[in-house]
C-alpha atoms as a PDB file:
ATOM      1  CA  MET A   1      -1.860 -13.922 -10.462  1.00  0.00           C
ATOM      2  CA  TYR A   2       1.391 -13.230  -8.887  1.00  0.00           C
ATOM      3  CA  ALA A   3       0.576 -12.666  -5.825  1.00  0.00           C
ATOM      4  CA  GLU A   4      -1.029 -15.369  -5.398  1.00  0.00           C
ATOM      5  CA  LYS A   5       2.081 -17.673  -5.374  1.00  0.00           C
ATOM      6  CA  PHE A   6       3.220 -15.941  -2.274  1.00  0.00           C
ATOM      7  CA  ASP A   7       3.522 -17.931   1.611  1.00  0.00           C
ATOM      8  CA  GLY A   8       1.049 -16.294   3.706  1.00  0.00           C
ATOM      9  CA  ASP A   9       2.888 -17.454   6.524  1.00  0.00           C
ATOM     10  CA  VAL A  10       6.051 -15.428   5.482  1.00  0.00           C
ATOM     11  CA  GLN A  11       4.520 -12.923   3.001  1.00  0.00           C
ATOM     12  CA  SER A  12       2.538 -10.392   2.461  1.00  0.00           C
ATOM     13  CA  PHE A  13       0.608  -8.255  -0.191  1.00  0.00           C
ATOM     14  CA  LYS A  14      -0.905  -5.222  -0.292  1.00  0.00           C
ATOM     15  CA  ARG A  15      -3.283  -3.660  -2.786  1.00  0.00           C
ATOM     16  CA  ILE A  16      -3.987   0.097  -3.485  1.00  0.00           C
ATOM     17  CA  ASN A  17      -6.040   1.212  -6.246  1.00  0.00           C
ATOM     18  CA  PHE A  18      -6.043   4.979  -7.085  1.00  0.00           C
ATOM     19  CA  SER A  19      -8.788   6.987  -8.057  1.00  0.00           C
ATOM     20  CA  SER A  20      -9.719  10.356  -8.169  1.00  0.00           C
ATOM     21  CA  ALA A  21     -11.156  10.043  -4.603  1.00  0.00           C
ATOM     22  CA  THR A  22      -7.501   8.998  -3.100  1.00  0.00           C
ATOM     23  CA  ARG A  23      -6.142  11.703  -0.971  1.00  0.00           C
ATOM     24  CA  PRO A  24      -2.226  11.584   0.416  1.00  0.00           C
ATOM     25  CA  SER A  25      -3.204  10.382   4.028  1.00  0.00           C
ATOM     26  CA  ASN A  26      -5.976   7.562   1.966  1.00  0.00           C
ATOM     27  CA  PHE A  27      -2.335   6.394   1.021  1.00  0.00           C
ATOM     28  CA  GLN A  28      -0.371   6.502   3.942  1.00  0.00           C
ATOM     29  CA  PHE A  29      -3.346   4.847   6.663  1.00  0.00           C
ATOM     30  CA  GLY A  30      -3.042   2.352   3.996  1.00  0.00           C
ATOM     31  CA  ILE A  31       0.510   0.874   3.997  1.00  0.00           C
ATOM     32  CA  GLU A  32       0.237   2.052   8.058  1.00  0.00           C
ATOM     33  CA  GLY A  33      -2.306  -0.456   8.567  1.00  0.00           C
ATOM     34  CA  GLU A  34      -0.353  -3.167   7.594  1.00  0.00           C
ATOM     35  CA  ILE A  35       3.084  -2.102   9.323  1.00  0.00           C
ATOM     36  CA  ALA A  36       4.440  -2.072  12.924  1.00  0.00           C
ATOM     37  CA  LYS A  37       7.704   0.024  14.393  1.00  0.00           C
ATOM     38  CA  HIS A  38      10.318  -2.259  15.047  1.00  0.00           C
ATOM     39  CA  GLN A  39      13.020   0.010  16.569  1.00  0.00           C
ATOM     40  CA  THR A  40      13.189   3.583  16.377  1.00  0.00           C
ATOM     41  CA  ARG A  41      12.880   4.415  12.483  1.00  0.00           C
ATOM     42  CA  VAL A  42      12.886   0.639  11.295  1.00  0.00           C
ATOM     43  CA  TYR A  43       8.809  -0.316  10.234  1.00  0.00           C
ATOM     44  CA  ARG A  44       8.383  -3.505   9.470  1.00  0.00           C
ATOM     45  CA  PRO A  45       5.063  -6.232   8.032  1.00  0.00           C
ATOM     46  CA  ILE A  46       3.169  -6.623  10.743  1.00  0.00           C
ATOM     47  CA  GLY A  47       4.623 -10.885  11.961  1.00  0.00           C
ATOM     48  CA  ASN A  48       7.917 -10.045  10.292  1.00  0.00           C
ATOM     49  CA  LYS A  49       6.717 -10.560   6.988  1.00  0.00           C
ATOM     50  CA  GLU A  50       8.157  -9.660   3.916  1.00  0.00           C
ATOM     51  CA  MET A  51       5.577  -7.331   2.185  1.00  0.00           C
ATOM     52  CA  LEU A  52       4.915  -6.073  -1.512  1.00  0.00           C
ATOM     53  CA  CYS A  53       2.413  -3.284  -2.428  1.00  0.00           C
ATOM     54  CA  PHE A  54       1.342  -3.162  -5.413  1.00  0.00           C
ATOM     55  CA  LEU A  55      -0.260   0.388  -6.727  1.00  0.00           C
ATOM     56  CA  ASP A  56      -2.593   0.093  -9.431  1.00  0.00           C
ATOM     57  CA  ASP A  57      -3.732   3.442 -11.532  1.00  0.00           C
ATOM     58  CA  PHE A  58      -0.399   5.419  -9.725  1.00  0.00           C
ATOM     59  CA  SER A  59      -0.425   7.439 -12.582  1.00  0.00           C
ATOM     60  CA  MET A  60      -2.963   9.707 -12.800  1.00  0.00           C
ATOM     61  CA  PRO A  61      -3.957  12.778 -14.177  1.00  0.00           C
ATOM     62  CA  LYS A  62      -3.895  16.041 -13.948  1.00  0.00           C
ATOM     63  CA  ILE A  63      -7.187  17.383 -11.849  1.00  0.00           C
ATOM     64  CA  ASN A  64      -9.445  19.529 -13.787  1.00  0.00           C
ATOM     65  CA  ASP A  65     -11.266  22.339 -13.128  1.00  0.00           C
ATOM     66  CA  TRP A  66     -14.235  20.939 -11.911  1.00  0.00           C
ATOM     67  CA  GLY A  67     -11.941  18.242  -9.355  1.00  0.00           C
ATOM     68  CA  ASP A  68     -11.884  14.760 -11.760  1.00  0.00           C
END
């Protein structure tokens, strides 16, 4: 509901859901798909917008013996 208030012309919203299948590369590609290189070490959201990332289930438990 919070993200529905955003003005799509100046703000963007990225939701990333974590699960047992999420790998670091999934997270990295999810973020990199929404940003572009602006200067040497400066990255900004595409279209020079403000960006909010919502990370869901970020606090995942330790992997058990069978990989869950």
